[in-house]
Amino acid sequence: MSTTRPCSPGDRGPEAGDGAASAVSARSVTPVDGVTPVDDASPAPAPVGRQARTLSLAGESGVVPLARDFARQALYAWGWLPAASADRRAAAEDVLLVVSELVTNACLHAEGPDELRISCDNKVLRIEVSDRGAGQPAPRTPHRAGRPGGHGMFIVQRLCLDWGVVRAPGVTGKTVWAELGAPA
């Protein structure tokens, strides 16, 4: 599903000295897997079992870059970055793109995201974005590649193994989730 791309800024590691990203990590990150986000560029071992991280986005500004930085830190902690090959780099970039698309959709169509959760095992990485919106995300049909806007869920559909929406009965809002295959 991924295409090979040249090295991007997302593959250069956590930004050293980026106080904003470090402050957000220390303030609102909940490492469910017991791993604290890393600040160095050394690769971590591959995850054993299911690991998860949660970032609260409710009331934050600049949530798309916050979410991407959070996802990038998780990818480093779980050994997806730094990427040793073009395929691994493309897989990590796909994760960052899907995070951006899901969080952006929550901003545009659902009063903003409440929470980002990323979980991973050795085969699948799952991204979940919770919001208070009532709408139902769907790729625009027919997809018109030449027109601006409306490509988010089409991109998610193309890059992911699967995606969907979960709603809790009697509660306003939803969780949009997407799953990507772990790099080989």
C-alpha atoms as a PDB file:
ATOM      1  CA  MET A   1       0.000   0.000   0.000  1.00  0.00           C
ATOM      2  CA  SER A   2       2.853   2.389   0.711  1.00  0.00           C
ATOM      3  CA  THR A   3       4.941   4.033  -1.905  1.00  0.00           C
ATOM      4  CA  THR A   4       8.624   4.713  -1.591  1.00  0.00           C
ATOM      5  CA  ARG A   5       9.333   8.344  -0.788  1.00  0.00           C
ATOM      6  CA  PRO A   6      12.545  10.328  -0.256  1.00  0.00           C
ATOM      7  CA  CYS A   7      13.628  11.004   3.319  1.00  0.00           C
ATOM      8  CA  SER A   8      11.279  13.460   4.974  1.00  0.00           C
ATOM      9  CA  PRO A   9      11.575  15.640   8.077  1.00  0.00           C
ATOM     10  CA  GLY A  10       9.486  13.043   9.915  1.00  0.00           C
ATOM     11  CA  ASP A  11      12.334  10.532   9.601  1.00  0.00           C
ATOM     12  CA  ARG A  12      15.016  12.687  11.191  1.00  0.00           C
ATOM     13  CA  GLY A  13      14.108  11.875  14.760  1.00  0.00           C
ATOM     14  CA  PRO A  14      12.585  13.814  17.607  1.00  0.00           C
ATOM     15  CA  GLU A  15      13.474  17.463  17.403  1.00  0.00           C
ATOM     16  CA  ALA A  16      16.199  18.068  19.974  1.00  0.00           C
ATOM     17  CA  GLY A  17      15.618  21.179  22.006  1.00  0.00           C
ATOM     18  CA  ASP A  18      11.986  21.479  20.921  1.00  0.00           C
ATOM     19  CA  GLY A  19      10.599  22.700  24.206  1.00  0.00           C
ATOM     20  CA  ALA A  20       6.997  22.721  23.017  1.00  0.00           C
ATOM     21  CA  ALA A  21       6.983  19.046  22.111  1.00  0.00           C
ATOM     22  CA  SER A  22       8.776  18.092  25.335  1.00  0.00           C
ATOM     23  CA  ALA A  23       6.397  20.154  27.447  1.00  0.00           C
ATOM     24  CA  VAL A  24       3.368  18.527  25.815  1.00  0.00           C
ATOM     25  CA  SER A  25       4.860  15.066  26.319  1.00  0.00           C
ATOM     26  CA  ALA A  26       5.494  15.685  29.987  1.00  0.00           C
ATOM     27  CA  ARG A  27       2.094  17.291  30.565  1.00  0.00           C
ATOM     28  CA  SER A  28      -0.472  15.246  28.672  1.00  0.00           C
ATOM     29  CA  VAL A  29       1.017  11.959  27.477  1.00  0.00           C
ATOM     30  CA  THR A  30      -0.121   8.787  29.155  1.00  0.00           C
ATOM     31  CA  PRO A  31       2.273   5.970  28.199  1.00  0.00           C
ATOM     32  CA  VAL A  32       0.103   2.928  28.778  1.00  0.00           C
ATOM     33  CA  ASP A  33       2.960   0.605  27.882  1.00  0.00           C
ATOM     34  CA  GLY A  34       5.124   2.058  30.644  1.00  0.00           C
ATOM     35  CA  VAL A  35       7.537   3.661  28.193  1.00  0.00           C
ATOM     36  CA  THR A  36       8.245   7.373  28.478  1.00  0.00           C
ATOM     37  CA  PRO A  37       8.665   9.229  25.161  1.00  0.00           C
ATOM     38  CA  VAL A  38      12.301   9.381  24.085  1.00  0.00           C
ATOM     39  CA  ASP A  39      14.330  12.489  23.358  1.00  0.00           C
ATOM     40  CA  ASP A  40      17.279  10.808  21.660  1.00  0.00           C
ATOM     41  CA  ALA A  41      17.489   9.373  18.154  1.00  0.00           C
ATOM     42  CA  SER A  42      18.606   5.884  19.150  1.00  0.00           C
ATOM     43  CA  PRO A  43      16.299   3.155  17.871  1.00  0.00           C
ATOM     44  CA  ALA A  44      14.268   1.226  20.376  1.00  0.00           C
ATOM     45  CA  PRO A  45      13.692  -2.511  20.251  1.00  0.00           C
ATOM     46  CA  ALA A  46      10.603  -3.758  18.456  1.00  0.00           C
ATOM     47  CA  PRO A  47       7.503  -3.842  20.658  1.00  0.00           C
ATOM     48  CA  VAL A  48       6.692  -7.011  22.547  1.00  0.00           C
ATOM     49  CA  GLY A  49       2.953  -7.537  22.934  1.00  0.00           C
ATOM     50  CA  ARG A  50       0.480  -4.675  22.579  1.00  0.00           C
ATOM     51  CA  GLN A  51       1.758  -1.253  23.586  1.00  0.00           C
ATOM     52  CA  ALA A  52      -0.319   1.912  23.684  1.00  0.00           C
ATOM     53  CA  ARG A  53       0.047   5.636  24.227  1.00  0.00           C
ATOM     54  CA  THR A  54      -2.652   8.241  24.756  1.00  0.00           C
ATOM     55  CA  LEU A  55      -2.508  12.001  24.224  1.00  0.00           C
ATOM     56  CA  SER A  56      -5.224  14.334  25.493  1.00  0.00           C
ATOM     57  CA  LEU A  57      -6.019  16.985  22.874  1.00  0.00           C
ATOM     58  CA  ALA A  58      -9.124  18.572  24.435  1.00  0.00           C
ATOM     59  CA  GLY A  59      -8.719  22.327  24.648  1.00  0.00           C
ATOM     60  CA  GLU A  60      -5.233  22.323  23.077  1.00  0.00           C
ATOM     61  CA  SER A  61      -4.275  24.556  20.171  1.00  0.00           C
ATOM     62  CA  GLY A  62      -2.136  23.414  17.261  1.00  0.00           C
ATOM     63  CA  VAL A  63      -3.371  19.850  17.699  1.00  0.00           C
ATOM     64  CA  VAL A  64      -2.281  18.491  14.310  1.00  0.00           C
ATOM     65  CA  PRO A  65       1.455  19.141  14.867  1.00  0.00           C
ATOM     66  CA  LEU A  66       1.110  17.997  18.494  1.00  0.00           C
ATOM     67  CA  ALA A  67      -0.465  14.752  17.329  1.00  0.00           C
ATOM     68  CA  ARG A  68       2.220  14.184  14.667  1.00  0.00           C
ATOM     69  CA  ASP A  69       5.031  14.815  17.177  1.00  0.00           C
ATOM     70  CA  PHE A  70       3.373  12.442  19.644  1.00  0.00           C
ATOM     71  CA  ALA A  71       3.013   9.763  16.954  1.00  0.00           C
ATOM     72  CA  ARG A  72       6.622  10.269  15.835  1.00  0.00           C
ATOM     73  CA  GLN A  73       7.842   9.768  19.431  1.00  0.00           C
ATOM     74  CA  ALA A  74       5.842   6.544  19.662  1.00  0.00           C
ATOM     75  CA  LEU A  75       7.319   5.318  16.369  1.00  0.00           C
ATOM     76  CA  TYR A  76      10.821   5.898  17.745  1.00  0.00           C
ATOM     77  CA  ALA A  77      10.003   4.161  21.013  1.00  0.00           C
ATOM     78  CA  TRP A  78       8.587   1.165  19.148  1.00  0.00           C
ATOM     79  CA  GLY A  79      11.465   0.862  16.682  1.00  0.00           C
ATOM     80  CA  TRP A  80       9.680   2.026  13.511  1.00  0.00           C
ATOM     81  CA  LEU A  81      12.089   4.984  13.332  1.00  0.00           C
ATOM     82  CA  PRO A  82      14.788   5.620  12.403  1.00  0.00           C
ATOM     83  CA  ALA A  83      13.881   3.664   9.313  1.00  0.00           C
ATOM     84  CA  ALA A  84      16.514   1.306   7.944  1.00  0.00           C
ATOM     85  CA  SER A  85      14.919   1.016   4.508  1.00  0.00           C
ATOM     86  CA  ALA A  86      12.708   2.933   2.130  1.00  0.00           C
ATOM     87  CA  ASP A  87       9.767   0.600   2.875  1.00  0.00           C
ATOM     88  CA  ARG A  88      10.107   1.149   6.639  1.00  0.00           C
ATOM     89  CA  ARG A  89      10.388   4.913   6.111  1.00  0.00           C
ATOM     90  CA  ALA A  90       7.260   4.872   3.924  1.00  0.00           C
ATOM     91  CA  ALA A  91       5.349   2.885   6.572  1.00  0.00           C
ATOM     92  CA  ALA A  92       6.264   5.444   9.253  1.00  0.00           C
ATOM     93  CA  GLU A  93       5.292   8.332   6.959  1.00  0.00           C
ATOM     94  CA  ASP A  94       1.954   6.640   6.278  1.00  0.00           C
ATOM     95  CA  VAL A  95       1.277   6.522  10.037  1.00  0.00           C
ATOM     96  CA  LEU A  96       2.081  10.227  10.406  1.00  0.00           C
ATOM     97  CA  LEU A  97      -0.154  11.088   7.437  1.00  0.00           C
ATOM     98  CA  VAL A  98      -3.090   9.070   8.784  1.00  0.00           C
ATOM     99  CA  VAL A  99      -2.700  10.703  12.213  1.00  0.00           C
ATOM    100  CA  SER A 100      -2.762  14.122  10.506  1.00  0.00           C
ATOM    101  CA  GLU A 101      -5.841  13.273   8.445  1.00  0.00           C
ATOM    102  CA  LEU A 102      -7.875  11.864  11.353  1.00  0.00           C
ATOM    103  CA  VAL A 103      -7.022  14.751  13.694  1.00  0.00           C
ATOM    104  CA  THR A 104      -7.673  17.318  10.949  1.00  0.00           C
ATOM    105  CA  ASN A 105     -11.076  15.755  10.240  1.00  0.00           C
ATOM    106  CA  ALA A 106     -11.962  16.013  13.937  1.00  0.00           C
ATOM    107  CA  CYS A 107     -10.958  19.696  13.832  1.00  0.00           C
ATOM    108  CA  LEU A 108     -12.957  20.459  10.697  1.00  0.00           C
ATOM    109  CA  HIS A 109     -16.055  18.345  11.235  1.00  0.00           C
ATOM    110  CA  ALA A 110     -16.396  17.497  14.939  1.00  0.00           C
ATOM    111  CA  GLU A 111     -15.568  20.463  17.213  1.00  0.00           C
ATOM    112  CA  GLY A 112     -11.974  19.245  17.593  1.00  0.00           C
ATOM    113  CA  PRO A 113     -10.414  16.034  18.847  1.00  0.00           C
ATOM    114  CA  ASP A 114     -10.547  15.013  22.506  1.00  0.00           C
ATOM    115  CA  GLU A 115      -7.935  12.277  22.483  1.00  0.00           C
ATOM    116  CA  LEU A 116      -5.431  10.454  20.289  1.00  0.00           C
ATOM    117  CA  ARG A 117      -4.550   6.867  21.112  1.00  0.00           C
ATOM    118  CA  ILE A 118      -1.916   4.867  19.260  1.00  0.00           C
ATOM    119  CA  SER A 119      -1.344   1.193  19.947  1.00  0.00           C
ATOM    120  CA  CYS A 120       0.974  -1.292  18.341  1.00  0.00           C
ATOM    121  CA  ASP A 121       1.923  -4.926  18.355  1.00  0.00           C
ATOM    122  CA  ASN A 122       4.386  -6.646  16.032  1.00  0.00           C
ATOM    123  CA  LYS A 123       1.871  -6.767  13.143  1.00  0.00           C
ATOM    124  CA  VAL A 124      -0.573  -3.849  13.339  1.00  0.00           C
ATOM    125  CA  LEU A 125      -0.507  -0.227  14.465  1.00  0.00           C
ATOM    126  CA  ARG A 126      -3.903   1.221  15.433  1.00  0.00           C
ATOM    127  CA  ILE A 127      -4.714   4.934  15.542  1.00  0.00           C
ATOM    128  CA  GLU A 128      -7.839   6.168  17.355  1.00  0.00           C
ATOM    129  CA  VAL A 129      -9.095   9.754  17.457  1.00  0.00           C
ATOM    130  CA  SER A 130     -12.010  10.521  19.779  1.00  0.00           C
ATOM    131  CA  ASP A 131     -14.220  13.584  19.387  1.00  0.00           C
ATOM    132  CA  ARG A 132     -17.664  14.907  20.364  1.00  0.00           C
ATOM    133  CA  GLY A 133     -19.007  15.137  16.821  1.00  0.00           C
ATOM    134  CA  ALA A 134     -22.165  13.490  15.584  1.00  0.00           C
ATOM    135  CA  GLY A 135     -21.137  13.214  11.926  1.00  0.00           C
ATOM    136  CA  GLN A 136     -20.119  10.054  10.125  1.00  0.00           C
ATOM    137  CA  PRO A 137     -16.776  10.216   8.272  1.00  0.00           C
ATOM    138  CA  ALA A 138     -16.733   8.719   4.801  1.00  0.00           C
ATOM    139  CA  PRO A 139     -14.575   9.032   1.696  1.00  0.00           C
ATOM    140  CA  ARG A 140     -16.135  11.382  -0.850  1.00  0.00           C
ATOM    141  CA  THR A 141     -17.594   9.547  -3.788  1.00  0.00           C
ATOM    142  CA  PRO A 142     -16.789  10.032  -6.538  1.00  0.00           C
ATOM    143  CA  HIS A 143     -13.261  11.017  -5.552  1.00  0.00           C
ATOM    144  CA  ARG A 144     -12.070  13.988  -7.611  1.00  0.00           C
ATOM    145  CA  ALA A 145      -8.287  14.067  -7.389  1.00  0.00           C
ATOM    146  CA  GLY A 146      -7.969  17.461  -9.081  1.00  0.00           C
ATOM    147  CA  ARG A 147     -10.164  19.330  -6.602  1.00  0.00           C
ATOM    148  CA  PRO A 148      -8.892  20.771  -3.306  1.00  0.00           C
ATOM    149  CA  GLY A 149     -10.206  19.331  -0.057  1.00  0.00           C
ATOM    150  CA  GLY A 150     -12.193  16.212   0.656  1.00  0.00           C
ATOM    151  CA  HIS A 151      -9.298  13.785   0.312  1.00  0.00           C
ATOM    152  CA  GLY A 152      -8.736  12.895   3.990  1.00  0.00           C
ATOM    153  CA  MET A 153     -10.812   9.751   4.355  1.00  0.00           C
ATOM    154  CA  PHE A 154      -9.938   8.674   0.825  1.00  0.00           C
ATOM    155  CA  ILE A 155      -6.266   8.800   1.853  1.00  0.00           C
ATOM    156  CA  VAL A 156      -7.015   6.898   5.072  1.00  0.00           C
ATOM    157  CA  GLN A 157      -8.941   4.248   3.123  1.00  0.00           C
ATOM    158  CA  ARG A 158      -6.069   3.830   0.629  1.00  0.00           C
ATOM    159  CA  LEU A 159      -3.258   3.621   3.201  1.00  0.00           C
ATOM    160  CA  CYS A 160      -4.884   1.514   5.908  1.00  0.00           C
ATOM    161  CA  LEU A 161      -5.678  -2.147   6.287  1.00  0.00           C
ATOM    162  CA  ASP A 162      -9.050  -1.156   7.744  1.00  0.00           C
ATOM    163  CA  TRP A 163     -10.784   1.772   9.420  1.00  0.00           C
ATOM    164  CA  GLY A 164     -14.089   2.480  11.107  1.00  0.00           C
ATOM    165  CA  VAL A 165     -16.106   4.396  13.663  1.00  0.00           C
ATOM    166  CA  VAL A 166     -17.098   3.333  17.184  1.00  0.00           C
ATOM    167  CA  ARG A 167     -19.865   5.063  19.109  1.00  0.00           C
ATOM    168  CA  ALA A 168     -20.710   4.493  22.756  1.00  0.00           C
ATOM    169  CA  PRO A 169     -24.469   4.164  23.348  1.00  0.00           C
ATOM    170  CA  GLY A 170     -25.985   7.220  25.005  1.00  0.00           C
ATOM    171  CA  VAL A 171     -22.791   9.274  24.696  1.00  0.00           C
ATOM    172  CA  THR A 172     -22.222  12.140  22.277  1.00  0.00           C
ATOM    173  CA  GLY A 173     -19.225  11.671  20.050  1.00  0.00           C
ATOM    174  CA  LYS A 174     -17.294   8.869  18.451  1.00  0.00           C
ATOM    175  CA  THR A 175     -13.910   7.292  17.978  1.00  0.00           C
ATOM    176  CA  VAL A 176     -12.560   7.031  14.429  1.00  0.00           C
ATOM    177  CA  TRP A 177      -9.939   4.288  14.169  1.00  0.00           C
ATOM    178  CA  ALA A 178      -7.561   3.126  11.477  1.00  0.00           C
ATOM    179  CA  GLU A 179      -5.104   0.220  11.313  1.00  0.00           C
ATOM    180  CA  LEU A 180      -1.853   0.031   9.357  1.00  0.00           C
ATOM    181  CA  GLY A 181       0.434  -2.941   8.885  1.00  0.00           C
ATOM    182  CA  ALA A 182       3.742  -2.906  10.735  1.00  0.00           C
ATOM    183  CA  PRO A 183       6.804  -2.740   8.485  1.00  0.00           C
ATOM    184  CA  ALA A 184       8.507  -6.023   7.677  1.00  0.00           C
END
